[in-house]
N, C-alpha and C. Protein backbone atom coordinates (compact mmCIF):
# COMPACT_ATOMS: atom_id res chain seq x y z
N MET A 1 -37.01 -79.79 15.96
CA MET A 1 -38.22 -79.18 16.43
C MET A 1 -38.22 -77.72 16.02
N GLU A 2 -39.39 -77.20 15.61
CA GLU A 2 -39.53 -75.85 15.25
C GLU A 2 -39.49 -74.93 16.43
N SER A 3 -39.16 -73.63 16.20
CA SER A 3 -39.15 -72.67 17.29
C SER A 3 -39.82 -71.35 16.86
N MET A 4 -40.17 -70.52 17.75
CA MET A 4 -40.78 -69.26 17.49
C MET A 4 -40.08 -68.18 18.34
N ARG A 5 -39.94 -66.99 17.81
CA ARG A 5 -39.34 -65.94 18.55
C ARG A 5 -40.23 -65.51 19.75
N ALA A 6 -39.60 -65.06 20.79
CA ALA A 6 -40.32 -64.50 21.97
C ALA A 6 -39.59 -63.26 22.47
N LEU A 7 -40.35 -62.40 23.15
CA LEU A 7 -39.79 -61.20 23.71
C LEU A 7 -40.40 -61.01 25.10
N SER A 8 -39.54 -60.73 26.10
CA SER A 8 -40.00 -60.49 27.46
C SER A 8 -40.42 -59.07 27.71
N PHE A 9 -41.51 -58.93 28.48
CA PHE A 9 -42.01 -57.63 28.88
C PHE A 9 -42.22 -57.71 30.40
N ARG A 10 -41.82 -56.64 31.10
CA ARG A 10 -42.06 -56.57 32.51
C ARG A 10 -43.50 -56.27 32.78
N ASN A 11 -44.05 -56.88 33.80
CA ASN A 11 -45.42 -56.57 34.23
C ASN A 11 -45.49 -55.10 34.80
N PRO A 12 -46.50 -54.38 34.37
CA PRO A 12 -47.75 -54.79 33.85
C PRO A 12 -47.88 -54.51 32.33
N LEU A 13 -46.77 -54.48 31.62
CA LEU A 13 -46.86 -54.25 30.14
C LEU A 13 -47.73 -55.30 29.38
N PRO A 14 -47.56 -56.57 29.66
CA PRO A 14 -48.50 -57.54 29.00
C PRO A 14 -49.91 -57.25 29.35
N TRP A 15 -50.22 -56.96 30.62
CA TRP A 15 -51.55 -56.61 31.03
C TRP A 15 -52.08 -55.47 30.18
N ALA A 16 -51.28 -54.41 29.97
CA ALA A 16 -51.75 -53.22 29.28
C ALA A 16 -51.98 -53.61 27.77
N MET A 17 -51.17 -54.53 27.26
CA MET A 17 -51.45 -54.95 25.86
C MET A 17 -52.75 -55.63 25.72
N PHE A 18 -53.08 -56.52 26.68
CA PHE A 18 -54.29 -57.29 26.62
C PHE A 18 -55.55 -56.56 27.09
N ASN A 19 -55.38 -55.59 28.00
CA ASN A 19 -56.55 -55.00 28.61
C ASN A 19 -56.74 -53.52 28.43
N ALA A 20 -55.69 -52.79 28.02
CA ALA A 20 -55.79 -51.32 27.94
C ALA A 20 -55.42 -50.83 26.56
N GLY A 21 -55.42 -51.71 25.55
CA GLY A 21 -55.20 -51.24 24.16
C GLY A 21 -53.78 -50.85 23.83
N LYS A 22 -52.81 -51.20 24.62
CA LYS A 22 -51.42 -50.81 24.30
C LYS A 22 -50.92 -51.62 23.13
N ARG A 23 -50.63 -50.94 22.05
CA ARG A 23 -50.09 -51.62 20.86
C ARG A 23 -48.76 -51.00 20.35
N THR A 24 -48.14 -50.27 21.31
CA THR A 24 -46.83 -49.66 21.07
C THR A 24 -45.91 -50.17 22.13
N ASP A 25 -44.70 -50.60 21.74
CA ASP A 25 -43.67 -50.96 22.71
C ASP A 25 -42.49 -49.99 22.41
N ASN A 26 -42.18 -49.16 23.44
CA ASN A 26 -41.11 -48.16 23.26
C ASN A 26 -39.75 -48.82 23.61
N ARG A 27 -38.89 -48.79 22.63
CA ARG A 27 -37.57 -49.40 22.78
C ARG A 27 -36.47 -48.42 22.35
N ALA A 28 -35.29 -48.72 22.81
CA ALA A 28 -34.13 -47.89 22.50
C ALA A 28 -33.59 -48.08 21.09
N MET A 29 -33.92 -49.29 20.54
CA MET A 29 -33.37 -49.66 19.18
C MET A 29 -34.47 -49.93 18.20
N GLN A 30 -34.17 -49.68 16.94
CA GLN A 30 -35.07 -49.98 15.87
C GLN A 30 -35.23 -51.51 15.73
N ALA A 31 -36.37 -52.00 15.38
CA ALA A 31 -36.56 -53.41 15.16
C ALA A 31 -36.44 -53.74 13.68
N HIS A 32 -35.68 -54.70 13.35
CA HIS A 32 -35.58 -55.15 11.92
C HIS A 32 -36.35 -56.40 11.70
N ILE A 33 -36.98 -56.97 12.74
CA ILE A 33 -37.77 -58.16 12.66
C ILE A 33 -39.23 -57.77 12.45
N ARG A 34 -39.97 -58.55 11.70
CA ARG A 34 -41.40 -58.35 11.58
C ARG A 34 -42.05 -59.73 11.67
N GLY A 35 -43.33 -59.70 12.10
CA GLY A 35 -44.03 -60.98 12.14
C GLY A 35 -44.47 -61.39 13.55
N ARG A 36 -45.01 -62.65 13.62
CA ARG A 36 -45.58 -63.20 14.90
C ARG A 36 -44.48 -63.49 15.88
N PHE A 37 -44.74 -63.23 17.14
CA PHE A 37 -43.89 -63.58 18.22
C PHE A 37 -44.68 -63.86 19.49
N LEU A 38 -44.01 -64.56 20.41
CA LEU A 38 -44.59 -64.86 21.69
C LEU A 38 -44.35 -63.73 22.72
N ILE A 39 -45.41 -63.42 23.52
CA ILE A 39 -45.24 -62.45 24.58
C ILE A 39 -44.88 -63.17 25.86
N HIS A 40 -43.73 -62.82 26.45
CA HIS A 40 -43.33 -63.46 27.69
C HIS A 40 -43.41 -62.41 28.80
N ALA A 41 -44.08 -62.76 29.92
CA ALA A 41 -44.12 -61.88 31.11
C ALA A 41 -42.92 -62.19 31.96
N ALA A 42 -42.10 -61.19 32.09
CA ALA A 42 -40.86 -61.35 32.87
C ALA A 42 -41.12 -61.61 34.32
N SER A 43 -40.10 -62.08 34.98
CA SER A 43 -40.26 -62.43 36.39
C SER A 43 -40.09 -61.16 37.28
N ARG A 44 -39.69 -60.04 36.74
CA ARG A 44 -39.64 -58.77 37.54
C ARG A 44 -40.59 -57.74 36.94
N PRO A 45 -41.19 -56.96 37.80
CA PRO A 45 -42.11 -55.92 37.35
C PRO A 45 -41.35 -54.70 36.82
N CYS A 46 -42.06 -53.79 36.20
CA CYS A 46 -41.49 -52.55 35.77
C CYS A 46 -40.96 -51.76 36.98
N LYS A 47 -40.02 -50.85 36.71
CA LYS A 47 -39.57 -49.92 37.74
C LYS A 47 -40.64 -48.97 38.05
N GLU A 48 -40.57 -48.39 39.28
CA GLU A 48 -41.60 -47.48 39.82
C GLU A 48 -42.03 -46.35 38.87
N PRO A 49 -41.14 -45.60 38.26
CA PRO A 49 -41.58 -44.49 37.42
C PRO A 49 -42.40 -45.00 36.20
N GLU A 50 -41.96 -46.11 35.61
CA GLU A 50 -42.69 -46.63 34.46
C GLU A 50 -44.04 -47.20 34.93
N LEU A 51 -44.08 -47.80 36.10
CA LEU A 51 -45.35 -48.32 36.61
C LEU A 51 -46.33 -47.24 36.86
N ARG A 52 -45.87 -46.12 37.40
CA ARG A 52 -46.85 -45.00 37.60
C ARG A 52 -47.33 -44.47 36.27
N TRP A 53 -46.43 -44.37 35.20
CA TRP A 53 -46.86 -43.94 33.89
C TRP A 53 -47.88 -44.86 33.32
N ILE A 54 -47.73 -46.15 33.45
CA ILE A 54 -48.68 -47.11 32.87
C ILE A 54 -50.00 -47.02 33.62
N GLU A 55 -49.95 -46.90 34.96
CA GLU A 55 -51.19 -46.76 35.73
C GLU A 55 -52.00 -45.52 35.29
N GLN A 56 -51.25 -44.44 35.05
CA GLN A 56 -51.95 -43.21 34.63
C GLN A 56 -52.54 -43.38 33.21
N LEU A 57 -51.85 -43.99 32.32
CA LEU A 57 -52.32 -44.18 30.96
C LEU A 57 -53.47 -45.17 30.84
N ALA A 58 -53.41 -46.17 31.69
CA ALA A 58 -54.43 -47.26 31.64
C ALA A 58 -55.70 -46.87 32.32
N SER A 59 -55.77 -45.82 33.15
CA SER A 59 -56.99 -45.49 33.83
C SER A 59 -58.00 -45.08 32.76
N PRO A 60 -59.30 -45.25 32.99
CA PRO A 60 -59.95 -45.65 34.27
C PRO A 60 -59.90 -47.12 34.58
N VAL A 61 -59.29 -47.95 33.74
CA VAL A 61 -59.14 -49.34 34.02
C VAL A 61 -58.17 -49.56 35.20
N ARG A 62 -58.49 -50.33 36.18
CA ARG A 62 -57.62 -50.53 37.29
C ARG A 62 -56.58 -51.57 36.93
N ILE A 63 -55.31 -51.31 37.25
CA ILE A 63 -54.27 -52.22 37.00
C ILE A 63 -54.26 -53.32 38.09
N ARG A 64 -54.31 -54.53 37.65
CA ARG A 64 -54.25 -55.72 38.55
C ARG A 64 -53.11 -56.57 38.15
N PHE A 65 -51.91 -55.98 37.95
CA PHE A 65 -50.87 -56.74 37.39
C PHE A 65 -50.31 -57.85 38.35
N ALA A 66 -50.69 -57.74 39.61
CA ALA A 66 -50.26 -58.80 40.54
C ALA A 66 -50.89 -60.16 40.14
N ARG A 67 -52.01 -60.05 39.45
CA ARG A 67 -52.69 -61.29 39.01
C ARG A 67 -52.06 -61.86 37.71
N MET A 68 -51.23 -61.01 37.05
CA MET A 68 -50.59 -61.52 35.82
C MET A 68 -49.51 -62.48 36.18
N PRO A 69 -49.40 -63.53 35.44
CA PRO A 69 -48.34 -64.54 35.69
C PRO A 69 -46.91 -63.88 35.44
N GLU A 70 -45.97 -64.44 36.07
CA GLU A 70 -44.57 -63.99 35.88
C GLU A 70 -43.81 -65.23 35.44
N GLY A 71 -42.76 -64.99 34.57
CA GLY A 71 -41.96 -66.08 34.12
C GLY A 71 -42.75 -67.06 33.22
N ALA A 72 -43.61 -66.50 32.34
CA ALA A 72 -44.49 -67.36 31.52
C ALA A 72 -44.75 -66.74 30.15
N LEU A 73 -45.03 -67.58 29.22
CA LEU A 73 -45.56 -67.09 27.94
C LEU A 73 -47.05 -66.82 28.18
N VAL A 74 -47.44 -65.60 27.82
CA VAL A 74 -48.81 -65.16 28.17
C VAL A 74 -49.61 -64.81 26.98
N GLY A 75 -49.03 -64.72 25.76
CA GLY A 75 -49.78 -64.35 24.62
C GLY A 75 -48.92 -64.34 23.35
N VAL A 76 -49.53 -63.85 22.25
CA VAL A 76 -48.92 -63.82 20.97
C VAL A 76 -49.30 -62.50 20.31
N ALA A 77 -48.41 -61.97 19.48
CA ALA A 77 -48.68 -60.72 18.77
C ALA A 77 -47.89 -60.69 17.49
N SER A 78 -48.13 -59.70 16.67
CA SER A 78 -47.33 -59.43 15.46
C SER A 78 -46.63 -58.12 15.57
N LEU A 79 -45.37 -58.09 15.27
CA LEU A 79 -44.64 -56.81 15.17
C LEU A 79 -44.74 -56.33 13.73
N VAL A 80 -45.45 -55.21 13.52
CA VAL A 80 -45.78 -54.73 12.17
C VAL A 80 -44.98 -53.55 11.70
N ALA A 81 -44.38 -52.82 12.59
CA ALA A 81 -43.57 -51.64 12.21
C ALA A 81 -42.63 -51.20 13.32
N SER A 82 -41.58 -50.53 12.98
CA SER A 82 -40.68 -49.91 13.91
C SER A 82 -40.48 -48.49 13.45
N LEU A 83 -41.05 -47.55 14.25
CA LEU A 83 -41.17 -46.15 13.76
C LEU A 83 -40.61 -45.19 14.79
N THR A 84 -40.20 -44.01 14.30
CA THR A 84 -39.92 -42.91 15.20
C THR A 84 -41.22 -42.41 15.85
N PRO A 85 -41.20 -41.75 16.99
CA PRO A 85 -42.43 -41.27 17.55
C PRO A 85 -43.26 -40.41 16.60
N HIS A 86 -42.59 -39.54 15.81
CA HIS A 86 -43.28 -38.69 14.88
C HIS A 86 -44.08 -39.56 13.87
N ALA A 87 -43.40 -40.54 13.30
CA ALA A 87 -44.04 -41.39 12.26
C ALA A 87 -45.16 -42.21 12.93
N ALA A 88 -44.91 -42.71 14.14
CA ALA A 88 -45.89 -43.54 14.83
C ALA A 88 -47.16 -42.67 15.11
N LEU A 89 -46.96 -41.42 15.48
CA LEU A 89 -48.14 -40.56 15.77
C LEU A 89 -48.94 -40.31 14.47
N ASN A 90 -48.26 -40.23 13.34
CA ASN A 90 -48.96 -40.00 12.10
C ASN A 90 -49.70 -41.26 11.61
N GLU A 91 -49.10 -42.43 11.75
CA GLU A 91 -49.69 -43.64 11.29
C GLU A 91 -50.64 -44.33 12.26
N TYR A 92 -50.44 -44.11 13.54
CA TYR A 92 -51.20 -44.74 14.63
C TYR A 92 -51.68 -43.71 15.64
N PRO A 93 -52.47 -42.71 15.25
CA PRO A 93 -52.86 -41.72 16.16
C PRO A 93 -53.65 -42.22 17.39
N GLU A 94 -54.28 -43.38 17.27
CA GLU A 94 -55.07 -43.91 18.37
C GLU A 94 -54.10 -44.40 19.49
N GLN A 95 -52.81 -44.52 19.21
CA GLN A 95 -51.84 -45.01 20.15
C GLN A 95 -51.10 -43.82 20.87
N ARG A 96 -51.58 -42.62 20.60
CA ARG A 96 -50.89 -41.39 21.10
C ARG A 96 -50.47 -41.51 22.54
N ARG A 97 -51.33 -41.96 23.38
CA ARG A 97 -50.98 -42.00 24.84
C ARG A 97 -49.87 -43.01 25.19
N TRP A 98 -49.58 -43.96 24.32
CA TRP A 98 -48.57 -44.93 24.58
C TRP A 98 -47.25 -44.65 23.88
N ILE A 99 -47.19 -43.69 22.94
CA ILE A 99 -46.01 -43.41 22.12
C ILE A 99 -45.08 -42.53 22.90
N ALA A 100 -43.83 -43.05 23.06
CA ALA A 100 -42.76 -42.27 23.72
C ALA A 100 -41.46 -42.31 22.98
N GLY A 101 -41.12 -43.51 22.43
CA GLY A 101 -39.89 -43.66 21.69
C GLY A 101 -38.71 -44.01 22.64
N PRO A 102 -37.49 -43.94 22.14
CA PRO A 102 -37.04 -43.37 20.87
C PRO A 102 -37.45 -44.17 19.64
N TRP A 103 -37.77 -45.43 19.78
CA TRP A 103 -38.33 -46.24 18.72
C TRP A 103 -39.66 -46.87 19.17
N CYS A 104 -40.60 -46.80 18.36
CA CYS A 104 -41.97 -47.36 18.66
C CYS A 104 -42.15 -48.59 17.89
N TRP A 105 -42.17 -49.73 18.58
CA TRP A 105 -42.47 -51.00 17.90
C TRP A 105 -43.96 -51.25 17.91
N MET A 106 -44.61 -51.21 16.73
CA MET A 106 -46.02 -51.23 16.62
C MET A 106 -46.51 -52.71 16.52
N LEU A 107 -47.48 -53.01 17.37
CA LEU A 107 -47.97 -54.38 17.46
C LEU A 107 -49.39 -54.50 16.89
N ALA A 108 -49.72 -55.70 16.42
CA ALA A 108 -51.04 -55.96 15.89
C ALA A 108 -51.41 -57.36 16.32
N ASP A 109 -52.68 -57.69 16.21
CA ASP A 109 -53.26 -59.01 16.50
C ASP A 109 -52.72 -59.55 17.81
N VAL A 110 -52.80 -58.73 18.87
CA VAL A 110 -52.34 -59.12 20.23
C VAL A 110 -53.45 -60.04 20.82
N ARG A 111 -53.04 -61.20 21.22
CA ARG A 111 -53.92 -62.21 21.79
C ARG A 111 -53.37 -62.76 23.10
N GLU A 112 -54.15 -62.82 24.09
CA GLU A 112 -53.73 -63.38 25.43
C GLU A 112 -54.08 -64.88 25.45
N PHE A 113 -53.19 -65.63 26.04
CA PHE A 113 -53.36 -67.11 26.25
C PHE A 113 -54.37 -67.28 27.39
N ALA A 114 -55.28 -68.23 27.26
CA ALA A 114 -56.17 -68.58 28.30
C ALA A 114 -55.40 -69.18 29.49
N THR A 115 -54.36 -69.93 29.22
CA THR A 115 -53.55 -70.55 30.24
C THR A 115 -52.10 -70.24 29.93
N PRO A 116 -51.44 -69.45 30.83
CA PRO A 116 -50.02 -69.17 30.63
C PRO A 116 -49.15 -70.43 30.60
N ILE A 117 -48.03 -70.35 29.95
CA ILE A 117 -47.11 -71.48 29.84
C ILE A 117 -45.81 -71.11 30.52
N PRO A 118 -45.46 -71.72 31.67
CA PRO A 118 -44.21 -71.35 32.33
C PRO A 118 -43.02 -71.46 31.38
N CYS A 119 -42.18 -70.44 31.44
CA CYS A 119 -41.00 -70.38 30.55
C CYS A 119 -40.01 -69.39 31.10
N LYS A 120 -38.76 -69.82 31.11
CA LYS A 120 -37.73 -68.85 31.55
C LYS A 120 -37.44 -67.92 30.39
N GLY A 121 -37.46 -66.60 30.69
CA GLY A 121 -37.21 -65.62 29.67
C GLY A 121 -35.76 -65.22 29.54
N GLN A 122 -35.56 -64.25 28.65
CA GLN A 122 -34.22 -63.72 28.46
C GLN A 122 -34.42 -62.26 28.02
N GLN A 123 -33.29 -61.55 28.04
CA GLN A 123 -33.34 -60.18 27.55
C GLN A 123 -33.26 -60.23 26.04
N GLY A 124 -33.98 -59.34 25.37
CA GLY A 124 -33.96 -59.36 23.90
C GLY A 124 -34.73 -60.51 23.32
N TRP A 125 -34.64 -60.66 22.04
CA TRP A 125 -35.32 -61.73 21.34
C TRP A 125 -34.70 -63.11 21.80
N PHE A 126 -35.57 -64.09 21.95
CA PHE A 126 -35.05 -65.47 22.20
C PHE A 126 -36.05 -66.45 21.57
N ASN A 127 -35.55 -67.65 21.29
CA ASN A 127 -36.38 -68.66 20.63
C ASN A 127 -36.96 -69.63 21.63
N VAL A 128 -38.18 -70.02 21.37
CA VAL A 128 -38.89 -71.02 22.20
C VAL A 128 -39.28 -72.16 21.30
N SER A 129 -38.99 -73.37 21.76
CA SER A 129 -39.35 -74.61 21.01
C SER A 129 -40.87 -74.69 20.99
N ILE A 130 -41.42 -75.05 19.81
CA ILE A 130 -42.87 -75.20 19.65
C ILE A 130 -43.22 -76.63 20.10
N THR A 131 -43.85 -76.74 21.21
CA THR A 131 -44.34 -78.06 21.67
C THR A 131 -45.82 -78.21 21.25
N PRO A 132 -46.36 -79.40 21.30
CA PRO A 132 -47.80 -79.55 20.95
C PRO A 132 -48.70 -78.71 21.89
N THR A 133 -48.33 -78.58 23.11
CA THR A 133 -49.17 -77.75 24.05
C THR A 133 -49.07 -76.31 23.64
N LEU A 134 -47.93 -75.82 23.30
CA LEU A 134 -47.78 -74.36 22.88
C LEU A 134 -48.48 -74.16 21.59
N LEU A 135 -48.37 -75.05 20.65
CA LEU A 135 -49.02 -74.93 19.36
C LEU A 135 -50.60 -74.83 19.58
N GLN A 136 -51.09 -75.66 20.42
CA GLN A 136 -52.51 -75.66 20.71
C GLN A 136 -52.95 -74.35 21.39
N THR A 137 -52.13 -73.85 22.29
CA THR A 137 -52.42 -72.59 23.01
C THR A 137 -52.41 -71.47 22.02
N ILE A 138 -51.48 -71.37 21.08
CA ILE A 138 -51.45 -70.32 20.09
C ILE A 138 -52.69 -70.43 19.21
N ASP A 139 -53.04 -71.60 18.76
CA ASP A 139 -54.25 -71.79 17.92
C ASP A 139 -55.47 -71.35 18.66
N ASP A 140 -55.61 -71.68 19.94
CA ASP A 140 -56.74 -71.31 20.71
C ASP A 140 -56.85 -69.80 20.82
N ALA A 141 -55.73 -69.11 21.05
CA ALA A 141 -55.65 -67.64 21.14
C ALA A 141 -56.12 -66.97 19.87
N ARG A 142 -55.72 -67.54 18.75
CA ARG A 142 -56.09 -66.96 17.45
C ARG A 142 -57.60 -67.00 17.22
N ARG A 143 -58.24 -68.01 17.80
CA ARG A 143 -59.70 -68.18 17.59
C ARG A 143 -60.53 -67.16 18.46
N CYS A 144 -59.89 -66.63 19.50
CA CYS A 144 -60.65 -65.73 20.42
C CYS A 144 -60.82 -64.33 19.81
């Protein structure tokens, strides 16, 4: 059976990707992987300081991350670059409010699933088996 890479994000980060234009994921390490991956909503939310930062950046849109599923595949995106904050600001100035670093993983073609798919996540990259249901959900998200 085929598989696809997935990456977990604490809520409300997936919400910000789908609803507030967040296309930058700030990580401690450079990414050497490029291409499509599944967005997994972790079972635990962001810590309080990060949550306040996201609320501030996402306004005037109200954060309703309590409505976001937890422990589920919630979307799909492409990782297109891994840049320093300086390079990210030069290449993606529209992401200025989201860029912090030390490495900025730049995302494109971010699509939310209409129906989340329950899935146990992991830290770091992990593989998810492609089932017919998941394949249909990915195809449906691409059409939106």
